Amino acid sequence: MQGISIAAPIQQNDDLLTPRGTSPGFAKGIWLRIMPLGASITYGLTSHDGNGYREFLRDQIVEYGNPVNMVGSRRNGTMEDNDVEGWPGYVISQVRTKAQTAVPKYKPNVVLINVGTNDCSGNIDLANAGNRMSALLDDVYKGSPRATIILSTLLVRSDEEKQECVEDVNNQFKSVAAAQRANGRRLVLVDMQPPDGPTTAELVDGIHPNEVGYAKMADIWFDGIKEADKAGFLQTKEAIAGNPDGVPDRGVYG
């Protein structure tokens, strides 16, 4: 598919690692290796620069006091650190398959998950959307045991019938999140529905956000990471086999 590239090997660039902000940052300023995981909204579809919410969010976190490296097997957008695990058109089970490879490779300590919109669009096994999400979460924790997951509800839909599906799936996700937390999992559920999330007026095509909508998503993700920090969830990054220092916390790609 045109416009899609695969991440190349990472080279360290130490002079880029110091955060700009004066805040102590999340978890006393630990380095965050963040994997945006999902489908086309995660990928940044319909944003003018392809960055979606990622650049808005990354800038906020760095300003707050944490070095950040976005990780994933793909690259999209004009931002320098544009790695992402976003797969346009994919449903929950397909994203899970990609996560089974990407998560253990990159060992993110924060995973941002937004997926399920295409399940509603295609009427794909909706009664089991929560079960399929639970399986995805289990695989993320298996692949990166130090991960904290920020799981989002689905965005609003302009189509009333699809919005009914969104509400049903969101209720399933809320139940899954509660069960995960009850089992001791480091997980925060964030709500992407209006008014804090994108409104129907802030959707380009009835599904994907415009720039204002993506900026709203970034604010919600940021608040979710803040909630995770308050709960003491955030863990230091894990070294990766064969690379004792792990993936650089901000890389430059050759």
C-alpha atoms as a PDB file:
ATOM      1  CA  MET A   1       0.000   0.000   0.000  1.00  0.00           C
ATOM      2  CA  GLN A   2       1.420   3.430  -0.920  1.00  0.00           C
ATOM      3  CA  GLY A   3       2.284   5.778   1.913  1.00  0.00           C
ATOM      4  CA  ILE A   4       3.163   2.929   4.277  1.00  0.00           C
ATOM      5  CA  SER A   5       6.719   2.113   5.291  1.00  0.00           C
ATOM      6  CA  ILE A   6       8.286  -0.310   7.707  1.00  0.00           C
ATOM      7  CA  ALA A   7      10.510   0.880  10.532  1.00  0.00           C
ATOM      8  CA  ALA A   8      14.226   0.466   9.844  1.00  0.00           C
ATOM      9  CA  PRO A   9      16.862  -0.478  12.440  1.00  0.00           C
ATOM     10  CA  ILE A  10      17.260   2.031  15.236  1.00  0.00           C
ATOM     11  CA  GLN A  11      20.429   4.006  15.897  1.00  0.00           C
ATOM     12  CA  GLN A  12      21.042   5.875  19.143  1.00  0.00           C
ATOM     13  CA  ASN A  13      21.240   9.668  19.047  1.00  0.00           C
ATOM     14  CA  ASP A  14      22.007  10.669  22.618  1.00  0.00           C
ATOM     15  CA  ASP A  15      21.737  14.415  22.143  1.00  0.00           C
ATOM     16  CA  LEU A  16      18.004  14.006  21.520  1.00  0.00           C
ATOM     17  CA  LEU A  17      17.221  12.223  24.782  1.00  0.00           C
ATOM     18  CA  THR A  18      16.868  15.133  27.215  1.00  0.00           C
ATOM     19  CA  PRO A  19      13.269  16.261  27.752  1.00  0.00           C
ATOM     20  CA  ARG A  20      12.486  19.943  27.340  1.00  0.00           C
ATOM     21  CA  GLY A  21      10.140  20.384  30.280  1.00  0.00           C
ATOM     22  CA  THR A  22      10.865  21.504  33.825  1.00  0.00           C
ATOM     23  CA  SER A  23       8.248  19.214  35.413  1.00  0.00           C
ATOM     24  CA  PRO A  24       9.561  16.075  37.123  1.00  0.00           C
ATOM     25  CA  GLY A  25       7.467  14.116  34.631  1.00  0.00           C
ATOM     26  CA  PHE A  26       5.529  10.908  35.043  1.00  0.00           C
ATOM     27  CA  ALA A  27       7.084   8.448  37.514  1.00  0.00           C
ATOM     28  CA  LYS A  28       9.904  10.897  38.257  1.00  0.00           C
ATOM     29  CA  GLY A  29      10.754  11.305  34.604  1.00  0.00           C
ATOM     30  CA  ILE A  30      11.282   7.704  33.491  1.00  0.00           C
ATOM     31  CA  TRP A  31      11.799   7.090  29.794  1.00  0.00           C
ATOM     32  CA  LEU A  32       8.560   6.098  28.131  1.00  0.00           C
ATOM     33  CA  ARG A  33       8.619   3.644  25.251  1.00  0.00           C
ATOM     34  CA  ILE A  34       5.096   4.103  23.876  1.00  0.00           C
ATOM     35  CA  MET A  35       3.356   1.865  21.351  1.00  0.00           C
ATOM     36  CA  PRO A  36       0.252   3.347  19.685  1.00  0.00           C
ATOM     37  CA  LEU A  37      -1.707   0.174  18.813  1.00  0.00           C
ATOM     38  CA  GLY A  38      -4.837  -0.029  16.710  1.00  0.00           C
ATOM     39  CA  ALA A  39      -6.229   0.586  13.265  1.00  0.00           C
ATOM     40  CA  SER A  40      -6.601   3.662  11.028  1.00  0.00           C
ATOM     41  CA  ILE A  41      -7.266   6.202  13.782  1.00  0.00           C
ATOM     42  CA  THR A  42      -4.064   5.084  15.477  1.00  0.00           C
ATOM     43  CA  TYR A  43      -2.273   5.286  12.122  1.00  0.00           C
ATOM     44  CA  GLY A  44      -3.390   8.918  11.736  1.00  0.00           C
ATOM     45  CA  LEU A  45      -5.730   8.605   8.770  1.00  0.00           C
ATOM     46  CA  THR A  46      -7.357  11.891   7.646  1.00  0.00           C
ATOM     47  CA  SER A  47      -4.968  14.093   9.636  1.00  0.00           C
ATOM     48  CA  HIS A  48      -3.295  16.565   7.318  1.00  0.00           C
ATOM     49  CA  ASP A  49       0.224  15.450   8.276  1.00  0.00           C
ATOM     50  CA  GLY A  50      -0.432  11.763   9.028  1.00  0.00           C
ATOM     51  CA  ASN A  51       0.565  12.216  12.671  1.00  0.00           C
ATOM     52  CA  GLY A  52      -2.954  11.884  14.065  1.00  0.00           C
ATOM     53  CA  TYR A  53      -2.892  12.270  17.832  1.00  0.00           C
ATOM     54  CA  ARG A  54       0.718  11.102  18.206  1.00  0.00           C
ATOM     55  CA  GLU A  55       2.654  14.344  17.759  1.00  0.00           C
ATOM     56  CA  PHE A  56       0.222  16.294  19.951  1.00  0.00           C
ATOM     57  CA  LEU A  57       0.612  13.686  22.683  1.00  0.00           C
ATOM     58  CA  ARG A  58       4.357  13.224  22.345  1.00  0.00           C
ATOM     59  CA  ASP A  59       4.976  16.953  22.640  1.00  0.00           C
ATOM     60  CA  GLN A  60       2.848  17.138  25.798  1.00  0.00           C
ATOM     61  CA  ILE A  61       4.694  14.263  27.461  1.00  0.00           C
ATOM     62  CA  VAL A  62       8.165  15.576  26.608  1.00  0.00           C
ATOM     63  CA  GLU A  63       7.188  19.028  27.859  1.00  0.00           C
ATOM     64  CA  TYR A  64       5.942  17.396  31.059  1.00  0.00           C
ATOM     65  CA  GLY A  65       9.385  15.918  31.655  1.00  0.00           C
ATOM     66  CA  ASN A  66       9.702  12.445  30.125  1.00  0.00           C
ATOM     67  CA  PRO A  67      11.885  11.313  27.231  1.00  0.00           C
ATOM     68  CA  VAL A  68       9.677   9.447  24.759  1.00  0.00           C
ATOM     69  CA  ASN A  69      10.175   6.978  21.961  1.00  0.00           C
ATOM     70  CA  MET A  70       7.138   5.988  19.956  1.00  0.00           C
ATOM     71  CA  VAL A  71       7.631   2.388  18.799  1.00  0.00           C
ATOM     72  CA  GLY A  72       6.019   0.103  16.267  1.00  0.00           C
ATOM     73  CA  SER A  73       6.756  -1.749  13.050  1.00  0.00           C
ATOM     74  CA  ARG A  74       5.379   0.993  10.790  1.00  0.00           C
ATOM     75  CA  ARG A  75       5.981   4.659  10.166  1.00  0.00           C
ATOM     76  CA  ASN A  76       3.482   7.331   9.227  1.00  0.00           C
ATOM     77  CA  GLY A  77       3.378  11.095   9.403  1.00  0.00           C
ATOM     78  CA  THR A  78       5.758  14.024   9.214  1.00  0.00           C
ATOM     79  CA  MET A  79       6.920  13.881  12.841  1.00  0.00           C
ATOM     80  CA  GLU A  80      10.462  12.627  13.420  1.00  0.00           C
ATOM     81  CA  ASP A  81       9.463   9.904  15.897  1.00  0.00           C
ATOM     82  CA  ASN A  82       6.634   8.588  13.740  1.00  0.00           C
ATOM     83  CA  ASP A  83       6.687   4.872  14.588  1.00  0.00           C
ATOM     84  CA  VAL A  84       3.280   3.319  15.065  1.00  0.00           C
ATOM     85  CA  GLU A  85       1.518  -0.037  15.201  1.00  0.00           C
ATOM     86  CA  GLY A  86      -1.594   1.136  13.377  1.00  0.00           C
ATOM     87  CA  TRP A  87      -3.250  -0.966  10.681  1.00  0.00           C
ATOM     88  CA  PRO A  88      -6.028   0.739   8.678  1.00  0.00           C
ATOM     89  CA  GLY A  89      -9.062  -1.469   8.160  1.00  0.00           C
ATOM     90  CA  TYR A  90      -8.096  -3.994  10.833  1.00  0.00           C
ATOM     91  CA  VAL A  91     -10.464  -5.409  13.429  1.00  0.00           C
ATOM     92  CA  ILE A  92      -9.595  -6.404  17.004  1.00  0.00           C
ATOM     93  CA  SER A  93      -8.479  -9.936  16.172  1.00  0.00           C
ATOM     94  CA  GLN A  94      -6.223  -8.746  13.339  1.00  0.00           C
ATOM     95  CA  VAL A  95      -4.588  -6.113  15.529  1.00  0.00           C
ATOM     96  CA  ARG A  96      -4.053  -8.820  18.135  1.00  0.00           C
ATOM     97  CA  THR A  97      -2.125 -10.881  15.586  1.00  0.00           C
ATOM     98  CA  LYS A  98       0.139  -7.922  14.807  1.00  0.00           C
ATOM     99  CA  ALA A  99       0.618  -7.224  18.523  1.00  0.00           C
ATOM    100  CA  GLN A 100       1.804 -10.781  19.097  1.00  0.00           C
ATOM    101  CA  THR A 101       4.878  -9.948  16.995  1.00  0.00           C
ATOM    102  CA  ALA A 102       5.377  -6.232  17.666  1.00  0.00           C
ATOM    103  CA  VAL A 103       4.924  -6.072  21.435  1.00  0.00           C
ATOM    104  CA  PRO A 104       7.608  -8.623  22.394  1.00  0.00           C
ATOM    105  CA  LYS A 105       9.969  -7.069  19.838  1.00  0.00           C
ATOM    106  CA  TYR A 106       9.737  -3.501  21.130  1.00  0.00           C
ATOM    107  CA  LYS A 107       8.789  -4.142  24.794  1.00  0.00           C
ATOM    108  CA  PRO A 108       6.808  -0.905  25.274  1.00  0.00           C
ATOM    109  CA  ASN A 109       6.176   0.196  28.838  1.00  0.00           C
ATOM    110  CA  VAL A 110       3.089   2.144  27.734  1.00  0.00           C
ATOM    111  CA  VAL A 111       0.608   0.833  25.162  1.00  0.00           C
ATOM    112  CA  LEU A 112      -2.207   3.028  23.834  1.00  0.00           C
ATOM    113  CA  ILE A 113      -5.012   0.888  22.425  1.00  0.00           C
ATOM    114  CA  ASN A 114      -7.848   2.158  20.261  1.00  0.00           C
ATOM    115  CA  VAL A 115      -9.438  -0.541  18.128  1.00  0.00           C
ATOM    116  CA  GLY A 116     -12.917  -1.817  17.370  1.00  0.00           C
ATOM    117  CA  THR A 117     -14.266   0.832  15.023  1.00  0.00           C
ATOM    118  CA  ASN A 118     -13.925  -1.505  12.043  1.00  0.00           C
ATOM    119  CA  ASP A 119     -15.657  -4.286  13.962  1.00  0.00           C
ATOM    120  CA  CYS A 120     -18.716  -2.033  14.185  1.00  0.00           C
ATOM    121  CA  SER A 121     -18.397  -0.953  10.565  1.00  0.00           C
ATOM    122  CA  GLY A 122     -18.294  -4.564   9.379  1.00  0.00           C
ATOM    123  CA  ASN A 123     -20.619  -6.027  12.010  1.00  0.00           C
ATOM    124  CA  ILE A 124     -17.816  -8.432  13.006  1.00  0.00           C
ATOM    125  CA  ASP A 125     -18.652 -10.756  15.912  1.00  0.00           C
ATOM    126  CA  LEU A 126     -19.865  -7.855  18.001  1.00  0.00           C
ATOM    127  CA  ALA A 127     -21.242  -9.990  20.809  1.00  0.00           C
ATOM    128  CA  ASN A 128     -17.671 -11.128  21.505  1.00  0.00           C
ATOM    129  CA  ALA A 129     -15.908  -7.782  21.068  1.00  0.00           C
ATOM    130  CA  GLY A 130     -15.116  -7.694  24.775  1.00  0.00           C
ATOM    131  CA  ASN A 131     -13.745 -11.231  24.771  1.00  0.00           C
ATOM    132  CA  ARG A 132     -11.552 -10.464  21.782  1.00  0.00           C
ATOM    133  CA  MET A 133     -10.286  -7.305  23.461  1.00  0.00           C
ATOM    134  CA  SER A 134      -9.510  -9.274  26.614  1.00  0.00           C
ATOM    135  CA  ALA A 135      -7.431 -11.710  24.550  1.00  0.00           C
ATOM    136  CA  LEU A 136      -5.557  -8.798  22.965  1.00  0.00           C
ATOM    137  CA  LEU A 137      -4.791  -7.331  26.385  1.00  0.00           C
ATOM    138  CA  ASP A 138      -3.550 -10.701  27.648  1.00  0.00           C
ATOM    139  CA  ASP A 139      -1.143 -10.925  24.709  1.00  0.00           C
ATOM    140  CA  VAL A 140       0.187  -7.408  25.310  1.00  0.00           C
ATOM    141  CA  TYR A 141       1.000  -8.202  28.936  1.00  0.00           C
ATOM    142  CA  LYS A 142       2.544 -11.512  27.908  1.00  0.00           C
ATOM    143  CA  GLY A 143       4.734  -9.795  25.317  1.00  0.00           C
ATOM    144  CA  SER A 144       5.764  -6.907  27.573  1.00  0.00           C
ATOM    145  CA  PRO A 145       5.231  -7.711  31.256  1.00  0.00           C
ATOM    146  CA  ARG A 146       6.131  -4.183  32.396  1.00  0.00           C
ATOM    147  CA  ALA A 147       3.549  -2.557  30.154  1.00  0.00           C
ATOM    148  CA  THR A 148       0.848  -0.226  31.366  1.00  0.00           C
ATOM    149  CA  ILE A 149      -2.109  -0.189  28.999  1.00  0.00           C
ATOM    150  CA  ILE A 150      -4.261   2.850  28.341  1.00  0.00           C
ATOM    151  CA  LEU A 151      -7.386   1.424  26.702  1.00  0.00           C
ATOM    152  CA  SER A 152      -9.791   3.802  25.018  1.00  0.00           C
ATOM    153  CA  THR A 153     -13.436   3.534  24.228  1.00  0.00           C
ATOM    154  CA  LEU A 154     -14.434   3.941  20.598  1.00  0.00           C
ATOM    155  CA  LEU A 155     -15.044   7.372  19.128  1.00  0.00           C
ATOM    156  CA  VAL A 156     -18.504   8.703  18.409  1.00  0.00           C
ATOM    157  CA  ARG A 157     -20.013   7.842  15.022  1.00  0.00           C
ATOM    158  CA  SER A 158     -22.147  10.075  12.818  1.00  0.00           C
ATOM    159  CA  ASP A 159     -24.308   7.130  11.753  1.00  0.00           C
ATOM    160  CA  GLU A 160     -26.940   6.514  14.452  1.00  0.00           C
ATOM    161  CA  GLU A 161     -27.004   2.756  13.902  1.00  0.00           C
ATOM    162  CA  LYS A 162     -23.227   2.536  14.151  1.00  0.00           C
ATOM    163  CA  GLN A 163     -23.297   4.739  17.245  1.00  0.00           C
ATOM    164  CA  GLU A 164     -25.554   2.161  18.897  1.00  0.00           C
ATOM    165  CA  CYS A 165     -22.887  -0.432  18.125  1.00  0.00           C
ATOM    166  CA  VAL A 166     -20.194   1.866  19.551  1.00  0.00           C
ATOM    167  CA  GLU A 167     -22.127   2.220  22.788  1.00  0.00           C
ATOM    168  CA  ASP A 168     -22.540  -1.538  23.098  1.00  0.00           C
ATOM    169  CA  VAL A 169     -18.859  -2.236  22.406  1.00  0.00           C
ATOM    170  CA  ASN A 170     -17.815   0.532  24.795  1.00  0.00           C
ATOM    171  CA  ASN A 171     -19.874  -1.083  27.551  1.00  0.00           C
ATOM    172  CA  GLN A 172     -18.102  -4.368  26.849  1.00  0.00           C
ATOM    173  CA  PHE A 173     -14.722  -2.638  27.028  1.00  0.00           C
ATOM    174  CA  LYS A 174     -15.652  -1.074  30.362  1.00  0.00           C
ATOM    175  CA  SER A 175     -16.471  -4.509  31.756  1.00  0.00           C
ATOM    176  CA  VAL A 176     -13.201  -5.892  30.415  1.00  0.00           C
ATOM    177  CA  ALA A 177     -11.245  -3.020  31.947  1.00  0.00           C
ATOM    178  CA  ALA A 178     -12.900  -3.548  35.325  1.00  0.00           C
ATOM    179  CA  ALA A 179     -12.085  -7.264  35.223  1.00  0.00           C
ATOM    180  CA  GLN A 180      -8.474  -6.570  34.259  1.00  0.00           C
ATOM    181  CA  ARG A 181      -8.071  -4.098  37.113  1.00  0.00           C
ATOM    182  CA  ALA A 182      -9.646  -6.560  39.539  1.00  0.00           C
ATOM    183  CA  ASN A 183      -7.002  -9.077  38.473  1.00  0.00           C
ATOM    184  CA  GLY A 184      -4.223  -6.626  39.281  1.00  0.00           C
ATOM    185  CA  ARG A 185      -3.480  -5.480  35.754  1.00  0.00           C
ATOM    186  CA  ARG A 186      -1.923  -2.047  35.189  1.00  0.00           C
ATOM    187  CA  LEU A 187      -4.678  -0.651  32.994  1.00  0.00           C
ATOM    188  CA  VAL A 188      -6.548   2.638  32.690  1.00  0.00           C
ATOM    189  CA  LEU A 189      -9.707   3.043  30.614  1.00  0.00           C
ATOM    190  CA  VAL A 190     -10.167   6.436  28.955  1.00  0.00           C
ATOM    191  CA  ASP A 191     -13.393   7.679  27.396  1.00  0.00           C
ATOM    192  CA  MET A 192     -13.115   9.100  23.881  1.00  0.00           C
ATOM    193  CA  GLN A 193     -16.798   9.982  23.634  1.00  0.00           C
ATOM    194  CA  PRO A 194     -17.946  13.640  23.600  1.00  0.00           C
ATOM    195  CA  PRO A 195     -17.760  16.170  25.078  1.00  0.00           C
ATOM    196  CA  ASP A 196     -14.095  15.540  25.937  1.00  0.00           C
ATOM    197  CA  GLY A 197     -13.545  13.322  22.901  1.00  0.00           C
ATOM    198  CA  PRO A 198     -14.140  14.284  19.262  1.00  0.00           C
ATOM    199  CA  THR A 199     -17.691  15.323  18.410  1.00  0.00           C
ATOM    200  CA  THR A 200     -19.422  14.403  15.159  1.00  0.00           C
ATOM    201  CA  ALA A 201     -18.559  17.899  13.918  1.00  0.00           C
ATOM    202  CA  GLU A 202     -14.895  17.029  14.431  1.00  0.00           C
ATOM    203  CA  LEU A 203     -14.982  13.944  12.209  1.00  0.00           C
ATOM    204  CA  VAL A 204     -13.778  14.216   8.624  1.00  0.00           C
ATOM    205  CA  ASP A 205     -15.808  11.349   7.211  1.00  0.00           C
ATOM    206  CA  GLY A 206     -18.134  10.382  10.034  1.00  0.00           C
ATOM    207  CA  ILE A 207     -15.444   8.073  11.484  1.00  0.00           C
ATOM    208  CA  HIS A 208     -11.951   9.652  11.590  1.00  0.00           C
ATOM    209  CA  PRO A 209     -11.116  12.883  13.450  1.00  0.00           C
ATOM    210  CA  ASN A 210      -9.913  16.157  12.022  1.00  0.00           C
ATOM    211  CA  GLU A 211      -6.990  17.982  13.657  1.00  0.00           C
ATOM    212  CA  VAL A 212      -9.156  19.325  16.485  1.00  0.00           C
ATOM    213  CA  GLY A 213     -10.474  15.831  17.159  1.00  0.00           C
ATOM    214  CA  TYR A 214      -7.003  14.309  17.177  1.00  0.00           C
ATOM    215  CA  ALA A 215      -5.797  17.006  19.581  1.00  0.00           C
ATOM    216  CA  LYS A 216      -8.689  16.099  21.893  1.00  0.00           C
ATOM    217  CA  MET A 217      -7.636  12.463  21.736  1.00  0.00           C
ATOM    218  CA  ALA A 218      -4.086  13.452  22.711  1.00  0.00           C
ATOM    219  CA  ASP A 219      -5.391  15.296  25.775  1.00  0.00           C
ATOM    220  CA  ILE A 220      -7.378  12.239  26.847  1.00  0.00           C
ATOM    221  CA  TRP A 221      -4.410   9.898  26.381  1.00  0.00           C
ATOM    222  CA  PHE A 222      -2.268  12.295  28.421  1.00  0.00           C
ATOM    223  CA  ASP A 223      -4.807  12.324  31.241  1.00  0.00           C
ATOM    224  CA  GLY A 224      -4.911   8.518  31.110  1.00  0.00           C
ATOM    225  CA  ILE A 225      -1.140   8.311  31.541  1.00  0.00           C
ATOM    226  CA  LYS A 226      -1.423  10.789  34.414  1.00  0.00           C
ATOM    227  CA  GLU A 227      -4.031   8.555  36.065  1.00  0.00           C
ATOM    228  CA  ALA A 228      -1.754   5.545  35.569  1.00  0.00           C
ATOM    229  CA  ASP A 229       1.087   7.460  37.182  1.00  0.00           C
ATOM    230  CA  LYS A 230      -1.037   8.380  40.194  1.00  0.00           C
ATOM    231  CA  ALA A 231      -1.920   4.707  40.585  1.00  0.00           C
ATOM    232  CA  GLY A 232       1.772   3.796  40.580  1.00  0.00           C
ATOM    233  CA  PHE A 233       1.414   1.722  37.407  1.00  0.00           C
ATOM    234  CA  LEU A 234       4.261   3.053  35.272  1.00  0.00           C
ATOM    235  CA  GLN A 235       7.293   0.773  35.155  1.00  0.00           C
ATOM    236  CA  THR A 236      10.805   1.314  33.805  1.00  0.00           C
ATOM    237  CA  LYS A 237      11.480   0.062  30.302  1.00  0.00           C
ATOM    238  CA  GLU A 238      12.629  -3.506  29.811  1.00  0.00           C
ATOM    239  CA  ALA A 239      15.900  -4.366  28.101  1.00  0.00           C
ATOM    240  CA  ILE A 240      15.542  -6.339  24.900  1.00  0.00           C
ATOM    241  CA  ALA A 241      17.427  -9.573  24.283  1.00  0.00           C
ATOM    242  CA  GLY A 242      20.520  -8.947  22.205  1.00  0.00           C
ATOM    243  CA  ASN A 243      20.373  -5.231  22.970  1.00  0.00           C
ATOM    244  CA  PRO A 244      21.183  -4.663  26.686  1.00  0.00           C
ATOM    245  CA  ASP A 245      20.206  -1.006  26.559  1.00  0.00           C
ATOM    246  CA  GLY A 246      16.880  -1.776  24.941  1.00  0.00           C
ATOM    247  CA  VAL A 247      15.369   0.233  22.116  1.00  0.00           C
ATOM    248  CA  PRO A 248      16.669   3.816  22.379  1.00  0.00           C
ATOM    249  CA  ASP A 249      14.134   6.042  24.061  1.00  0.00           C
ATOM    250  CA  ARG A 250      14.295   8.358  21.158  1.00  0.00           C
ATOM    251  CA  GLY A 251      15.765   6.974  18.010  1.00  0.00           C
ATOM    252  CA  VAL A 252      16.902   8.264  14.675  1.00  0.00           C
ATOM    253  CA  TYR A 253      16.235   5.889  11.810  1.00  0.00           C
ATOM    254  CA  GLY A 254      18.751   5.292   9.042  1.00  0.00           C
END
